[in-house]
Amino acid sequence: MEAGDRIVLRDGSELKMRQKSSGVQTSGLDGIIVDADEVTLPLIIRTRLPGDKMKLKGSGGTKKIKEILITEKVPRHLRDSLPIVTDFTGQILWIPGIKKSNQDTKPSREKKTVYY
């Protein structure tokens, strides 16, 4: 996924990626702002894989995606179909609507922005 791309998911929701300067805002868990210098583009949208882990925003630690989905009470039948946004190296950045990684940042001069 590169700047300007838009993907329509199975449930009809969309993921969009935009490159913006300051003034970009995201609301809650419905968007993420990442520093293009801190992640490897392009971004990838996939479903979870066995053993997936995420560095959580605010906690400093990592947690298995399986545990995050259980804690957030995501129904079992939906867990394998949820979109997961990673960078090209596989680093998990965001589970749209559920959890952000430690890569979420405040807008500044030059950021790549993904909206859900």
Protein backbone atom coordinates (compact mmCIF):
# COMPACT_ATOMS: atom_id res chain seq x y z
CA MET A 1 0.00 0.00 0.00
CA GLU A 2 1.50 3.30 -1.12
CA ALA A 3 0.40 6.92 -0.67
CA GLY A 4 -2.86 7.48 -2.55
CA ASP A 5 -3.93 3.81 -2.45
CA ARG A 6 -7.38 2.76 -1.28
CA ILE A 7 -8.44 -0.80 -0.44
CA VAL A 8 -12.03 -1.93 0.09
CA LEU A 9 -12.27 -4.73 2.66
CA ARG A 10 -14.73 -7.64 2.66
CA ASP A 11 -17.07 -5.87 5.07
CA GLY A 12 -17.22 -2.82 2.79
CA SER A 13 -15.00 -0.59 4.95
CA GLU A 14 -12.00 1.12 3.37
CA LEU A 15 -8.36 1.60 4.21
CA LYS A 16 -6.71 4.63 2.62
CA MET A 17 -3.16 5.85 2.78
CA ARG A 18 -2.25 9.47 2.35
CA GLN A 19 0.94 11.46 2.70
CA LYS A 20 0.17 14.67 4.57
CA SER A 21 1.90 17.44 6.38
CA SER A 22 0.92 18.87 9.76
CA GLY A 23 -2.76 19.26 10.60
CA VAL A 24 -3.63 15.57 10.12
CA GLN A 25 -5.71 14.11 12.92
CA THR A 26 -7.02 10.63 13.63
CA SER A 27 -9.88 9.78 15.90
CA GLY A 28 -9.40 7.06 18.51
CA LEU A 29 -8.54 3.69 17.01
CA ASP A 30 -9.92 4.50 13.56
CA GLY A 31 -6.69 5.88 12.16
CA ILE A 32 -2.96 5.84 12.62
CA ILE A 33 -0.16 8.26 11.74
CA VAL A 34 3.27 6.76 11.17
CA ASP A 35 6.58 8.43 10.43
CA ALA A 36 7.75 7.30 6.98
CA ASP A 37 11.33 7.28 8.28
CA GLU A 38 10.43 4.79 11.03
CA VAL A 39 8.63 2.16 8.93
CA THR A 40 9.49 0.34 5.71
CA LEU A 41 7.06 1.05 2.87
CA PRO A 42 4.93 -0.17 1.25
CA LEU A 43 2.45 -1.00 3.97
CA ILE A 44 0.81 -4.43 3.82
CA ILE A 45 -2.74 -5.33 4.80
CA ARG A 46 -3.21 -8.95 5.76
CA THR A 47 -4.93 -11.16 8.31
CA ARG A 48 -3.25 -12.52 11.43
CA LEU A 49 -0.65 -15.25 11.36
CA PRO A 50 0.19 -17.74 14.13
CA GLY A 51 2.55 -16.14 16.66
CA ASP A 52 1.96 -12.54 15.51
CA LYS A 53 3.05 -9.97 18.12
CA MET A 54 2.64 -6.23 18.35
CA LYS A 55 4.60 -3.54 20.23
CA LEU A 56 1.80 -1.69 22.00
CA LYS A 57 1.40 2.05 22.18
CA GLY A 58 1.85 3.35 25.72
CA SER A 59 2.93 0.10 27.37
CA GLY A 60 6.45 -0.36 26.04
CA GLY A 61 5.89 -4.11 25.80
CA THR A 62 4.71 -6.59 23.21
CA LYS A 63 1.59 -8.71 23.17
CA LYS A 64 0.41 -11.56 20.98
CA ILE A 65 -2.33 -10.63 18.53
CA LYS A 66 -4.31 -13.64 19.75
CA GLU A 67 -4.27 -12.24 23.31
CA ILE A 68 -5.21 -8.74 22.14
CA LEU A 69 -8.24 -10.07 20.26
CA ILE A 70 -9.35 -12.15 23.26
CA THR A 71 -8.89 -9.20 25.67
CA GLU A 72 -10.84 -6.91 23.33
CA LYS A 73 -13.61 -9.54 23.15
CA VAL A 74 -13.49 -9.92 19.37
CA PRO A 75 -15.74 -12.88 18.51
CA ARG A 76 -13.73 -15.98 17.59
CA HIS A 77 -15.37 -16.30 14.17
CA LEU A 78 -14.13 -12.79 13.20
CA ARG A 79 -10.53 -13.03 14.43
CA ASP A 80 -9.07 -14.65 11.32
CA SER A 81 -10.66 -12.13 8.95
CA LEU A 82 -9.67 -8.85 10.65
CA PRO A 83 -7.29 -6.62 8.69
CA ILE A 84 -3.84 -6.11 10.17
CA VAL A 85 -1.62 -3.32 8.83
CA THR A 86 2.12 -4.04 8.77
CA ASP A 87 5.11 -2.41 7.20
CA PHE A 88 7.09 -4.25 4.52
CA THR A 89 9.28 -5.97 7.13
CA GLY A 90 6.21 -7.45 8.86
CA GLN A 91 6.18 -5.09 11.85
CA ILE A 92 2.53 -4.84 12.94
CA LEU A 93 1.47 -1.19 13.06
CA TRP A 94 -2.27 -1.30 13.61
CA ILE A 95 -5.35 -3.48 13.99
CA PRO A 96 -7.98 -1.05 12.67
CA GLY A 97 -10.60 -0.22 15.27
CA ILE A 98 -8.88 -2.34 17.92
CA LYS A 99 -5.25 -1.45 18.76
CA LYS A 100 -2.35 0.79 17.67
CA SER A 101 1.33 -0.01 17.89
CA ASN A 102 4.05 2.11 19.41
CA GLN A 103 4.65 3.52 15.90
CA ASP A 104 1.55 5.75 16.17
CA THR A 105 2.79 9.33 16.38
CA LYS A 106 1.62 12.94 16.35
CA PRO A 107 1.51 14.75 13.02
CA SER A 108 4.50 16.84 12.07
CA ARG A 109 6.14 18.13 8.91
CA GLU A 110 5.96 14.94 6.81
CA LYS A 111 3.95 11.86 7.76
CA LYS A 112 2.35 8.97 5.94
CA THR A 113 -1.21 8.63 7.17
CA VAL A 114 -3.49 5.59 7.06
CA TYR A 115 -7.21 6.08 7.68
CA TYR A 116 -9.84 3.41 8.36
